[in-house]
PDB file of all heavy atoms in Angstrom:
ATOM      1  N   ALA A   1      -4.852   3.360  -2.261  1.00  0.00           N
ATOM      2  CA  ALA A   1      -4.661   2.473  -3.404  1.00  0.00           C
ATOM      3  C   ALA A   1      -4.158   3.278  -4.599  1.00  0.00           C
ATOM      4  O   ALA A   1      -4.250   4.506  -4.629  1.00  0.00           O
ATOM      5  CB  ALA A   1      -5.967   1.769  -3.749  1.00  0.00           C
ATOM      6  N   GLN A   2      -3.634   2.569  -5.607  1.00  0.00           N
ATOM      7  CA  GLN A   2      -3.103   3.239  -6.791  1.00  0.00           C
ATOM      8  C   GLN A   2      -4.186   4.048  -7.494  1.00  0.00           C
ATOM      9  O   GLN A   2      -5.284   3.571  -7.749  1.00  0.00           O
ATOM     10  CB  GLN A   2      -2.518   2.208  -7.764  1.00  0.00           C
ATOM     11  CG  GLN A   2      -1.920   2.838  -9.022  1.00  0.00           C
ATOM     12  CD  GLN A   2      -1.378   1.810  -9.997  1.00  0.00           C
ATOM     13  OE1 GLN A   2      -1.264   0.631  -9.649  1.00  0.00           O
ATOM     14  NE2 GLN A   2      -1.059   2.227 -11.216  1.00  0.00           N
ATOM     15  N   GLU A   3      -3.856   5.301  -7.798  1.00  0.00           N
ATOM     16  CA  GLU A   3      -4.782   6.174  -8.503  1.00  0.00           C
ATOM     17  C   GLU A   3      -4.179   6.725  -9.792  1.00  0.00           C
ATOM     18  O   GLU A   3      -4.883   6.984 -10.756  1.00  0.00           O
ATOM     19  CB  GLU A   3      -5.188   7.353  -7.595  1.00  0.00           C
ATOM     20  CG  GLU A   3      -5.975   6.924  -6.356  1.00  0.00           C
ATOM     21  CD  GLU A   3      -6.322   8.094  -5.451  1.00  0.00           C
ATOM     22  OE1 GLU A   3      -5.874   9.229  -5.749  1.00  0.00           O
ATOM     23  OE2 GLU A   3      -7.025   7.891  -4.443  1.00  0.00           O
ATOM     24  N   GLY A   4      -2.855   6.931  -9.822  1.00  0.00           N
ATOM     25  CA  GLY A   4      -2.196   7.521 -10.983  1.00  0.00           C
ATOM     26  C   GLY A   4      -1.509   6.487 -11.845  1.00  0.00           C
ATOM     27  O   GLY A   4      -1.775   5.282 -11.771  1.00  0.00           O
ATOM     28  N   VAL A   5      -0.556   6.948 -12.648  1.00  0.00           N
ATOM     29  CA  VAL A   5       0.112   6.073 -13.610  1.00  0.00           C
ATOM     30  C   VAL A   5       1.201   5.230 -12.949  1.00  0.00           C
ATOM     31  O   VAL A   5       1.627   4.217 -13.515  1.00  0.00           O
ATOM     32  CB  VAL A   5       0.730   6.904 -14.763  1.00  0.00           C
ATOM     33  CG1 VAL A   5      -0.352   7.611 -15.547  1.00  0.00           C
ATOM     34  CG2 VAL A   5       1.752   7.911 -14.230  1.00  0.00           C
ATOM     35  N   TYR A   6       1.666   5.636 -11.778  1.00  0.00           N
ATOM     36  CA  TYR A   6       2.737   4.903 -11.114  1.00  0.00           C
ATOM     37  C   TYR A   6       2.158   3.823 -10.197  1.00  0.00           C
ATOM     38  O   TYR A   6       1.210   4.067  -9.448  1.00  0.00           O
ATOM     39  CB  TYR A   6       3.612   5.857 -10.303  1.00  0.00           C
ATOM     40  CG  TYR A   6       4.365   6.856 -11.154  1.00  0.00           C
ATOM     41  CD1 TYR A   6       3.895   8.163 -11.297  1.00  0.00           C
ATOM     42  CD2 TYR A   6       5.524   6.492 -11.827  1.00  0.00           C
ATOM     43  CE1 TYR A   6       4.571   9.085 -12.088  1.00  0.00           C
ATOM     44  CE2 TYR A   6       6.210   7.410 -12.622  1.00  0.00           C
ATOM     45  CZ  TYR A   6       5.732   8.698 -12.749  1.00  0.00           C
ATOM     46  OH  TYR A   6       6.398   9.609 -13.534  1.00  0.00           O
ATOM     47  N   GLU A   7       2.752   2.635 -10.260  1.00  0.00           N
ATOM     48  CA  GLU A   7       2.275   1.539  -9.429  1.00  0.00           C
ATOM     49  C   GLU A   7       2.514   1.825  -7.947  1.00  0.00           C
ATOM     50  O   GLU A   7       1.748   1.388  -7.091  1.00  0.00           O
ATOM     51  CB  GLU A   7       2.989   0.242  -9.818  1.00  0.00           C
ATOM     52  CG  GLU A   7       2.622  -0.270 -11.210  1.00  0.00           C
ATOM     53  CD  GLU A   7       3.320  -1.580 -11.522  1.00  0.00           C
ATOM     54  OE1 GLU A   7       4.033  -2.103 -10.633  1.00  0.00           O
ATOM     55  OE2 GLU A   7       3.151  -2.080 -12.642  1.00  0.00           O
ATOM     56  N   ASN A   8       3.591   2.524  -7.652  1.00  0.00           N
ATOM     57  CA  ASN A   8       3.928   2.904  -6.275  1.00  0.00           C
ATOM     58  C   ASN A   8       4.487   4.316  -6.285  1.00  0.00           C
ATOM     59  O   ASN A   8       5.204   4.682  -7.212  1.00  0.00           O
ATOM     60  CB  ASN A   8       5.020   1.988  -5.703  1.00  0.00           C
ATOM     61  CG  ASN A   8       4.594   0.554  -5.605  1.00  0.00           C
ATOM     62  OD1 ASN A   8       3.878   0.198  -4.688  1.00  0.00           O
ATOM     63  ND2 ASN A   8       5.043  -0.292  -6.547  1.00  0.00           N
ATOM     64  N   TYR A   9       4.148   5.091  -5.289  1.00  0.00           N
ATOM     65  CA  TYR A   9       4.884   6.337  -5.095  1.00  0.00           C
ATOM     66  C   TYR A   9       4.740   6.811  -3.658  1.00  0.00           C
ATOM     67  O   TYR A   9       3.807   6.441  -2.934  1.00  0.00           O
ATOM     68  CB  TYR A   9       4.489   7.412  -6.106  1.00  0.00           C
ATOM     69  CG  TYR A   9       3.285   8.264  -5.755  1.00  0.00           C
ATOM     70  CD1 TYR A   9       3.402   9.316  -4.849  1.00  0.00           C
ATOM     71  CD2 TYR A   9       2.049   8.052  -6.357  1.00  0.00           C
ATOM     72  CE1 TYR A   9       2.315  10.120  -4.535  1.00  0.00           C
ATOM     73  CE2 TYR A   9       0.959   8.850  -6.056  1.00  0.00           C
ATOM     74  CZ  TYR A   9       1.100   9.877  -5.138  1.00  0.00           C
ATOM     75  OH  TYR A   9       0.018  10.661  -4.827  1.00  0.00           O
ATOM     76  N   ILE A  10       5.713   7.611  -3.267  1.00  0.00           N
ATOM     77  CA  ILE A  10       5.713   8.242  -1.944  1.00  0.00           C
ATOM     78  C   ILE A  10       5.809   9.743  -2.151  1.00  0.00           C
ATOM     79  O   ILE A  10       6.645  10.226  -2.914  1.00  0.00           O
ATOM     80  CB  ILE A  10       6.918   7.771  -1.090  1.00  0.00           C
ATOM     81  CG1 ILE A  10       6.913   6.253  -0.916  1.00  0.00           C
ATOM     82  CG2 ILE A  10       6.909   8.465   0.276  1.00  0.00           C
ATOM     83  CD1 ILE A  10       8.162   5.717  -0.230  1.00  0.00           C
ATOM     84  N   ARG A  11       4.916  10.485  -1.495  1.00  0.00           N
ATOM     85  CA  ARG A  11       5.011  11.943  -1.498  1.00  0.00           C
ATOM     86  C   ARG A  11       5.285  12.406  -0.071  1.00  0.00           C
ATOM     87  O   ARG A  11       4.583  12.016   0.868  1.00  0.00           O
ATOM     88  CB  ARG A  11       3.740  12.606  -2.009  1.00  0.00           C
ATOM     89  CG  ARG A  11       3.810  14.154  -1.902  1.00  0.00           C
ATOM     90  CD  ARG A  11       2.541  14.858  -2.358  1.00  0.00           C
ATOM     91  NE  ARG A  11       2.480  14.872  -3.817  1.00  0.00           N
ATOM     92  CZ  ARG A  11       1.580  14.232  -4.539  1.00  0.00           C
ATOM     93  NH1 ARG A  11       0.681  13.476  -3.934  1.00  0.00           N
ATOM     94  NH2 ARG A  11       1.582  14.304  -5.853  1.00  0.00           N
ATOM     95  N   LEU A  12       6.307  13.247   0.081  1.00  0.00           N
ATOM     96  CA  LEU A  12       6.654  13.807   1.378  1.00  0.00           C
ATOM     97  C   LEU A  12       6.410  15.310   1.347  1.00  0.00           C
ATOM     98  O   LEU A  12       6.873  15.999   0.440  1.00  0.00           O
ATOM     99  CB  LEU A  12       8.129  13.514   1.695  1.00  0.00           C
ATOM    100  CG  LEU A  12       8.666  14.007   3.048  1.00  0.00           C
ATOM    101  CD1 LEU A  12       9.741  13.058   3.559  1.00  0.00           C
ATOM    102  CD2 LEU A  12       9.252  15.415   2.960  1.00  0.00           C
ATOM    103  N   THR A  13       5.674  15.793   2.328  1.00  0.00           N
ATOM    104  CA  THR A  13       5.391  17.226   2.441  1.00  0.00           C
ATOM    105  C   THR A  13       5.908  17.738   3.778  1.00  0.00           C
ATOM    106  O   THR A  13       5.571  17.190   4.829  1.00  0.00           O
ATOM    107  CB  THR A  13       3.885  17.511   2.333  1.00  0.00           C
ATOM    108  OG1 THR A  13       3.386  16.989   1.094  1.00  0.00           O
ATOM    109  CG2 THR A  13       3.607  19.007   2.396  1.00  0.00           C
ATOM    110  N   VAL A  14       6.762  18.751   3.718  1.00  0.00           N
ATOM    111  CA  VAL A  14       7.273  19.399   4.923  1.00  0.00           C
ATOM    112  C   VAL A  14       6.471  20.675   5.150  1.00  0.00           C
ATOM    113  O   VAL A  14       6.349  21.514   4.254  1.00  0.00           O
ATOM    114  CB  VAL A  14       8.769  19.731   4.785  1.00  0.00           C
ATOM    115  CG1 VAL A  14       9.239  20.575   5.967  1.00  0.00           C
ATOM    116  CG2 VAL A  14       9.583  18.449   4.701  1.00  0.00           C
ATOM    117  N   ILE A  15       5.916  20.796   6.343  1.00  0.00           N
ATOM    118  CA  ILE A  15       5.081  21.951   6.696  1.00  0.00           C
ATOM    119  C   ILE A  15       5.864  22.824   7.666  1.00  0.00           C
ATOM    120  O   ILE A  15       6.288  22.368   8.729  1.00  0.00           O
ATOM    121  CB  ILE A  15       3.763  21.482   7.332  1.00  0.00           C
ATOM    122  CG1 ILE A  15       3.026  20.515   6.389  1.00  0.00           C
ATOM    123  CG2 ILE A  15       2.881  22.680   7.684  1.00  0.00           C
ATOM    124  CD1 ILE A  15       1.987  19.674   7.072  1.00  0.00           C
ATOM    125  N   THR A  16       6.098  24.070   7.278  1.00  0.00           N
ATOM    126  CA  THR A  16       6.809  25.011   8.136  1.00  0.00           C
ATOM    127  C   THR A  16       5.884  26.171   8.488  1.00  0.00           C
ATOM    128  O   THR A  16       4.717  26.201   8.085  1.00  0.00           O
ATOM    129  CB  THR A  16       8.073  25.551   7.435  1.00  0.00           C
ATOM    130  OG1 THR A  16       7.679  26.421   6.358  1.00  0.00           O
ATOM    131  CG2 THR A  16       8.917  24.416   6.883  1.00  0.00           C
ATOM    132  N   GLU A  17       6.425  27.109   9.229  1.00  0.00           N
ATOM    133  CA  GLU A  17       5.637  28.286   9.613  1.00  0.00           C
ATOM    134  C   GLU A  17       5.299  29.141   8.394  1.00  0.00           C
ATOM    135  O   GLU A  17       4.352  29.926   8.424  1.00  0.00           O
ATOM    136  CB  GLU A  17       6.426  29.111  10.630  1.00  0.00           C
ATOM    137  CG  GLU A  17       6.743  28.347  11.913  1.00  0.00           C
ATOM    138  CD  GLU A  17       7.865  28.987  12.707  1.00  0.00           C
ATOM    139  OE1 GLU A  17       8.195  30.157  12.438  1.00  0.00           O
ATOM    140  OE2 GLU A  17       8.412  28.312  13.588  1.00  0.00           O
ATOM    141  N   ARG A  18       6.074  29.004   7.312  1.00  0.00           N
ATOM    142  CA  ARG A  18       5.905  29.865   6.146  1.00  0.00           C
ATOM    143  C   ARG A  18       5.204  29.185   4.980  1.00  0.00           C
ATOM    144  O   ARG A  18       4.524  29.842   4.198  1.00  0.00           O
ATOM    145  CB  ARG A  18       7.268  30.368   5.670  1.00  0.00           C
ATOM    146  CG  ARG A  18       8.024  31.185   6.716  1.00  0.00           C
ATOM    147  CD  ARG A  18       9.399  31.580   6.175  1.00  0.00           C
ATOM    148  NE  ARG A  18      10.195  32.269   7.189  1.00  0.00           N
ATOM    149  CZ  ARG A  18      11.460  32.598   7.035  1.00  0.00           C
ATOM    150  NH1 ARG A  18      12.093  32.308   5.900  1.00  0.00           N
ATOM    151  NH2 ARG A  18      12.127  33.223   7.990  1.00  0.00           N
ATOM    152  N   GLN A  19       5.385  27.862   4.818  1.00  0.00           N
ATOM    153  CA  GLN A  19       4.901  27.224   3.599  1.00  0.00           C
ATOM    154  C   GLN A  19       4.828  25.719   3.752  1.00  0.00           C
ATOM    155  O   GLN A  19       5.254  25.152   4.758  1.00  0.00           O
ATOM    156  CB  GLN A  19       5.845  27.553   2.434  1.00  0.00           C
ATOM    157  CG  GLN A  19       7.252  26.990   2.631  1.00  0.00           C
ATOM    158  CD  GLN A  19       8.172  27.271   1.466  1.00  0.00           C
ATOM    159  OE1 GLN A  19       7.754  27.716   0.419  1.00  0.00           O
ATOM    160  NE2 GLN A  19       9.460  27.007   1.636  1.00  0.00           N
ATOM    161  N   GLU A  20       4.283  25.067   2.714  1.00  0.00           N
ATOM    162  CA  GLU A  20       4.342  23.628   2.559  1.00  0.00           C
ATOM    163  C   GLU A  20       5.173  23.329   1.313  1.00  0.00           C
ATOM    164  O   GLU A  20       4.989  23.949   0.280  1.00  0.00           O
ATOM    165  CB  GLU A  20       2.945  23.020   2.406  1.00  0.00           C
ATOM    166  CG  GLU A  20       2.098  23.095   3.653  1.00  0.00           C
ATOM    167  CD  GLU A  20       0.831  22.244   3.545  1.00  0.00           C
ATOM    168  OE1 GLU A  20       0.723  21.458   2.567  1.00  0.00           O
ATOM    169  OE2 GLU A  20      -0.031  22.361   4.425  1.00  0.00           O
ATOM    170  N   ARG A  21       6.099  22.381   1.438  1.00  0.00           N
ATOM    171  CA  ARG A  21       6.940  22.011   0.306  1.00  0.00           C
ATOM    172  C   ARG A  21       6.857  20.495   0.143  1.00  0.00           C
ATOM    173  O   ARG A  21       7.087  19.748   1.100  1.00  0.00           O
ATOM    174  CB  ARG A  21       8.389  22.427   0.552  1.00  0.00           C
ATOM    175  CG  ARG A  21       9.322  22.183  -0.654  1.00  0.00           C
ATOM    176  CD  ARG A  21      10.786  22.238  -0.235  1.00  0.00           C
ATOM    177  NE  ARG A  21      11.150  23.491   0.399  1.00  0.00           N
ATOM    178  CZ  ARG A  21      11.561  24.567  -0.256  1.00  0.00           C
ATOM    179  NH1 ARG A  21      11.657  24.546  -1.568  1.00  0.00           N
ATOM    180  NH2 ARG A  21      11.881  25.665   0.400  1.00  0.00           N
ATOM    181  N   SER A  22       6.514  20.029  -1.068  1.00  0.00           N
ATOM    182  CA  SER A  22       6.346  18.594  -1.281  1.00  0.00           C
ATOM    183  C   SER A  22       7.300  18.090  -2.359  1.00  0.00           C
ATOM    184  O   SER A  22       7.674  18.819  -3.284  1.00  0.00           O
ATOM    185  CB  SER A  22       4.906  18.263  -1.672  1.00  0.00           C
ATOM    186  OG  SER A  22       4.597  18.809  -2.939  1.00  0.00           O
ATOM    187  N   VAL A  23       7.675  16.822  -2.231  1.00  0.00           N
ATOM    188  CA  VAL A  23       8.482  16.134  -3.226  1.00  0.00           C
ATOM    189  C   VAL A  23       8.012  14.687  -3.261  1.00  0.00           C
ATOM    190  O   VAL A  23       7.708  14.095  -2.227  1.00  0.00           O
ATOM    191  CB  VAL A  23       9.991  16.236  -2.897  1.00  0.00           C
ATOM    192  CG1 VAL A  23      10.299  15.684  -1.517  1.00  0.00           C
ATOM    193  CG2 VAL A  23      10.820  15.528  -3.954  1.00  0.00           C
ATOM    194  N   ALA A  24       7.886  14.133  -4.459  1.00  0.00           N
ATOM    195  CA  ALA A  24       7.386  12.769  -4.616  1.00  0.00           C
ATOM    196  C   ALA A  24       8.366  11.951  -5.433  1.00  0.00           C
ATOM    197  O   ALA A  24       9.121  12.480  -6.267  1.00  0.00           O
ATOM    198  CB  ALA A  24       6.014  12.781  -5.292  1.00  0.00           C
ATOM    199  N   GLY A  25       8.351  10.641  -5.186  1.00  0.00           N
ATOM    200  CA  GLY A  25       9.246   9.766  -5.914  1.00  0.00           C
ATOM    201  C   GLY A  25       8.707   8.358  -5.995  1.00  0.00           C
ATOM    202  O   GLY A  25       7.721   7.998  -5.346  1.00  0.00           O
ATOM    203  N   THR A  26       9.367   7.558  -6.803  1.00  0.00           N
ATOM    204  CA  THR A  26       8.976   6.158  -6.958  1.00  0.00           C
ATOM    205  C   THR A  26      10.230   5.330  -7.171  1.00  0.00           C
ATOM    206  O   THR A  26      11.345   5.856  -7.289  1.00  0.00           O
ATOM    207  CB  THR A  26       8.008   5.987  -8.139  1.00  0.00           C
ATOM    208  OG1 THR A  26       7.491   4.655  -8.133  1.00  0.00           O
ATOM    209  CG2 THR A  26       8.691   6.247  -9.476  1.00  0.00           C
ATOM    210  N   VAL A  27      10.050   4.009  -7.208  1.00  0.00           N
ATOM    211  CA  VAL A  27      11.134   3.076  -7.508  1.00  0.00           C
ATOM    212  C   VAL A  27      10.751   2.327  -8.775  1.00  0.00           C
ATOM    213  O   VAL A  27       9.702   1.686  -8.847  1.00  0.00           O
ATOM    214  CB  VAL A  27      11.358   2.078  -6.346  1.00  0.00           C
ATOM    215  CG1 VAL A  27      12.417   1.046  -6.735  1.00  0.00           C
ATOM    216  CG2 VAL A  27      11.780   2.822  -5.084  1.00  0.00           C
ATOM    217  N   PHE A  28      11.617   2.406  -9.791  1.00  0.00           N
ATOM    218  CA  PHE A  28      11.358   1.719 -11.050  1.00  0.00           C
ATOM    219  C   PHE A  28      11.846   0.272 -10.973  1.00  0.00           C
ATOM    220  O   PHE A  28      12.362  -0.176  -9.950  1.00  0.00           O
ATOM    221  CB  PHE A  28      12.055   2.451 -12.197  1.00  0.00           C
ATOM    222  CG  PHE A  28      11.363   3.729 -12.612  1.00  0.00           C
ATOM    223  CD1 PHE A  28      11.939   4.573 -13.542  1.00  0.00           C
ATOM    224  CD2 PHE A  28      10.138   4.086 -12.068  1.00  0.00           C
ATOM    225  CE1 PHE A  28      11.310   5.748 -13.935  1.00  0.00           C
ATOM    226  CE2 PHE A  28       9.502   5.258 -12.440  1.00  0.00           C
ATOM    227  CZ  PHE A  28      10.092   6.092 -13.374  1.00  0.00           C
ATOM    228  N   ALA A  29      11.670  -0.467 -12.055  1.00  0.00           N
ATOM    229  CA  ALA A  29      12.002  -1.888 -12.088  1.00  0.00           C
ATOM    230  C   ALA A  29      13.485  -2.147 -11.821  1.00  0.00           C
ATOM    231  O   ALA A  29      13.860  -3.219 -11.345  1.00  0.00           O
ATOM    232  CB  ALA A  29      11.604  -2.488 -13.439  1.00  0.00           C
ATOM    233  N   ASP A  30      14.328  -1.145 -12.108  1.00  0.00           N
ATOM    234  CA  ASP A  30      15.763  -1.329 -11.876  1.00  0.00           C
ATOM    235  C   ASP A  30      16.154  -1.155 -10.414  1.00  0.00           C
ATOM    236  O   ASP A  30      17.326  -1.293 -10.049  1.00  0.00           O
ATOM    237  CB  ASP A  30      16.577  -0.363 -12.741  1.00  0.00           C
ATOM    238  CG  ASP A  30      16.269   1.106 -12.438  1.00  0.00           C
ATOM    239  OD1 ASP A  30      15.480   1.382 -11.517  1.00  0.00           O
ATOM    240  OD2 ASP A  30      16.820   1.977 -13.144  1.00  0.00           O
TER     241      ASP A  30
END
C-alpha cells in the first residue's frame, strides 16, 4: 500500500554478481 508521498510508484532493482542497482519511477497526472 502507499507509504510515501507518491500515490503510485514502481521500483526496479537489478541484482548482479557484483552489486544491486535500483531505479524508481511514477506516472504523473499528465
